[in-house]
Protein backbone atom coordinates (compact mmCIF):
# COMPACT_ATOMS: atom_id res chain seq x y z
CA MET A 1 0.20 -0.01 -0.34
CA THR A 2 2.58 2.76 0.79
CA GLU A 3 5.64 3.15 -1.12
CA LYS A 4 9.00 1.22 -0.64
CA GLY A 5 10.78 2.63 2.33
CA PHE A 6 8.48 5.04 3.99
CA LYS A 7 8.30 4.37 7.27
CA GLN A 8 6.38 5.93 9.62
CA ILE A 9 5.90 5.07 13.35
CA PHE A 10 1.81 5.95 13.92
CA PRO A 11 -0.96 3.54 12.33
CA LEU A 12 -1.76 4.45 8.42
CA GLY A 13 -5.21 4.15 9.72
CA GLU A 14 -8.34 3.54 6.96
CA LYS A 15 -9.06 5.67 3.72
CA ASN A 16 -9.85 9.24 4.77
CA ASP A 17 -13.26 8.85 3.00
CA ALA A 18 -15.05 11.07 5.08
CA TYR A 19 -13.30 13.80 4.38
CA ALA A 20 -12.33 13.06 0.43
CA GLN A 21 -14.61 15.85 -1.01
CA TYR A 22 -12.41 17.88 0.42
CA PHE A 23 -9.01 16.32 -1.12
CA VAL A 24 -7.03 16.09 -4.40
CA GLY A 25 -5.99 12.22 -4.29
CA GLN A 26 -6.29 9.82 -1.41
CA SER A 27 -5.44 10.40 2.44
CA TYR A 28 -5.34 7.79 5.15
CA LEU A 29 -6.58 8.61 8.31
CA SER A 30 -5.88 7.35 12.25
CA MET A 31 -7.08 9.26 14.89
CA LEU A 32 -4.49 8.67 17.88
CA THR A 33 -6.40 10.52 20.70
CA THR A 34 -9.95 12.67 21.09
CA GLU A 35 -9.38 13.75 24.79
CA ARG A 36 -8.96 17.85 25.12
CA VAL A 37 -7.27 17.85 21.72
CA GLY A 38 -7.45 15.85 18.50
CA ILE A 39 -4.81 14.45 17.33
CA ALA A 40 -4.64 12.81 13.95
CA ASN A 41 -2.12 10.87 11.62
CA VAL A 42 -2.78 11.67 8.43
CA THR A 43 -0.94 10.24 5.24
CA PHE A 44 -1.17 11.37 2.07
CA GLU A 45 -0.18 9.03 -1.44
CA PRO A 46 2.08 11.11 -3.50
CA GLY A 47 0.33 14.08 -5.10
CA CYS A 48 -2.17 14.17 -2.92
CA ARG A 49 -3.49 17.31 -0.63
CA ASN A 50 -6.39 19.03 0.91
CA ASN A 51 -8.17 22.11 -0.50
CA TRP A 52 -7.53 25.95 1.13
CA HIS A 53 -8.87 25.83 4.62
CA ILE A 54 -9.23 28.07 7.69
CA HIS A 55 -9.31 27.09 11.04
CA HIS A 56 -11.34 29.66 12.95
CA LYS A 57 -10.44 30.42 16.42
CA GLY A 58 -7.87 27.23 17.39
CA GLY A 59 -5.70 26.35 14.65
CA GLN A 60 -3.58 23.88 13.96
CA ILE A 61 -0.33 22.53 14.78
CA LEU A 62 1.64 19.88 12.48
CA LEU A 63 4.07 17.77 13.07
CA CYS A 64 5.87 16.23 9.94
CA THR A 65 7.08 12.35 10.90
CA ALA A 66 7.69 11.06 7.64
CA GLY A 67 8.20 11.43 3.64
CA ARG A 68 7.84 14.88 2.34
CA GLY A 69 5.40 17.61 1.43
CA TYR A 70 4.02 21.15 1.10
CA TYR A 71 2.55 23.82 3.31
CA GLN A 72 1.20 26.60 2.14
CA GLU A 73 -0.28 29.63 3.19
CA TRP A 74 -2.70 32.17 0.98
CA GLY A 75 -0.71 34.63 -0.68
CA LYS A 76 2.35 33.38 0.33
CA THR A 77 5.27 31.16 -1.62
CA ALA A 78 4.83 26.99 -0.45
CA GLN A 79 7.26 25.76 2.09
CA GLU A 80 8.75 22.22 1.80
CA MET A 81 8.05 19.99 4.82
CA LYS A 82 10.61 17.32 6.41
CA PRO A 83 10.12 15.08 9.29
CA GLY A 84 10.89 17.05 12.57
CA ASP A 85 9.33 20.37 10.82
CA VAL A 86 6.44 21.88 13.15
CA ILE A 87 4.04 24.20 11.24
CA ASN A 88 2.04 26.35 14.17
CA ILE A 89 -0.88 27.58 11.95
CA ALA A 90 -2.82 30.40 13.36
CA PRO A 91 -6.64 30.93 13.60
CA GLU A 92 -7.98 32.16 10.69
CA VAL A 93 -5.03 31.61 8.20
CA LYS A 94 -6.02 30.46 4.94
CA HIS A 95 -4.02 27.59 3.72
CA TRP A 96 -3.23 23.73 2.32
CA HIS A 97 -0.77 20.86 3.05
CA GLY A 98 -0.11 18.24 1.57
CA ALA A 99 2.45 15.44 -0.24
CA ALA A 100 5.03 16.31 -2.85
CA PRO A 101 4.18 15.07 -6.43
CA ASP A 102 6.81 12.12 -6.01
CA SER A 103 6.48 11.47 -2.29
CA TRP A 104 4.25 9.93 0.96
CA PHE A 105 3.97 12.08 3.51
CA SER A 106 2.83 11.77 6.93
CA HIS A 107 2.25 14.55 9.10
CA LEU A 108 0.49 14.78 13.01
CA ALA A 109 -2.15 17.35 12.88
CA VAL A 110 -2.77 18.91 16.36
CA GLU A 111 -6.36 20.68 16.69
CA VAL A 112 -5.76 23.80 19.13
CA PRO A 113 -8.68 23.72 21.33
CA ALA A 114 -10.96 26.91 21.65
CA GLU A 115 -14.70 27.80 22.51
CA GLY A 116 -16.55 28.16 19.06
CA SER A 117 -13.25 26.94 16.98
CA SER A 118 -14.37 25.54 13.41
CA ASN A 119 -13.04 24.03 10.09
CA GLU A 120 -13.87 25.82 6.88
CA TRP A 121 -13.23 23.99 3.76
CA LEU A 122 -12.76 25.66 0.59
CA GLU A 123 -11.49 25.66 -3.28
CA PRO A 124 -9.06 22.95 -4.00
CA VAL A 125 -5.50 24.55 -4.59
CA LYS A 126 -5.01 24.86 -8.44
CA GLU A 127 -3.37 21.87 -10.64
CA GLU A 128 -1.13 24.84 -12.33
CA GLU A 129 0.16 26.00 -8.88
CA TYR A 130 0.70 22.64 -7.47
CA SER A 131 2.41 20.74 -10.85
CA LYS A 132 4.72 23.82 -9.90
CA LEU A 133 6.34 22.09 -7.15
CA LYS A 134 9.16 19.58 -7.24
C-alpha cells in the first residue's frame, strides 16, 4: 500500500473517505486521541493534498513525521516539509498542506482547542500552481 522505504511510527489508518471531498488524491486518517486535544495521523499518497481551508478560533499545529510534503499560506510561497518540521498555523489563516508530487507524506494534525472553533473547507489548490512544486 505504501511506497517501499516509507516508514512511519503511527498507524496508517483507514482511507479518509469522510473527508475525501476536501482532498485531491488519496489520504488516510488515524485518530490517535480525541481526549482534550484532537490529534490525528494524516497520511497522503504522492500528489495528494487537501483543499484550502481555515481553522476558525483555534488554529492547528502540524508535526511532520514521514516523507516529504508542502504547506502553503494564502499569498505566500509553498514551503517544503520534512520529518521533524513543526508548522504552527494561527487561527483565521487560509492554507493547505499535503504530499510532494513524488513522495508519500505523513503529519500529526493537532487541533488547537478553542471555544466555538470550526474548520471551513474552501476550493482545491489550483493544479497549475501545485504542478510547479518538485
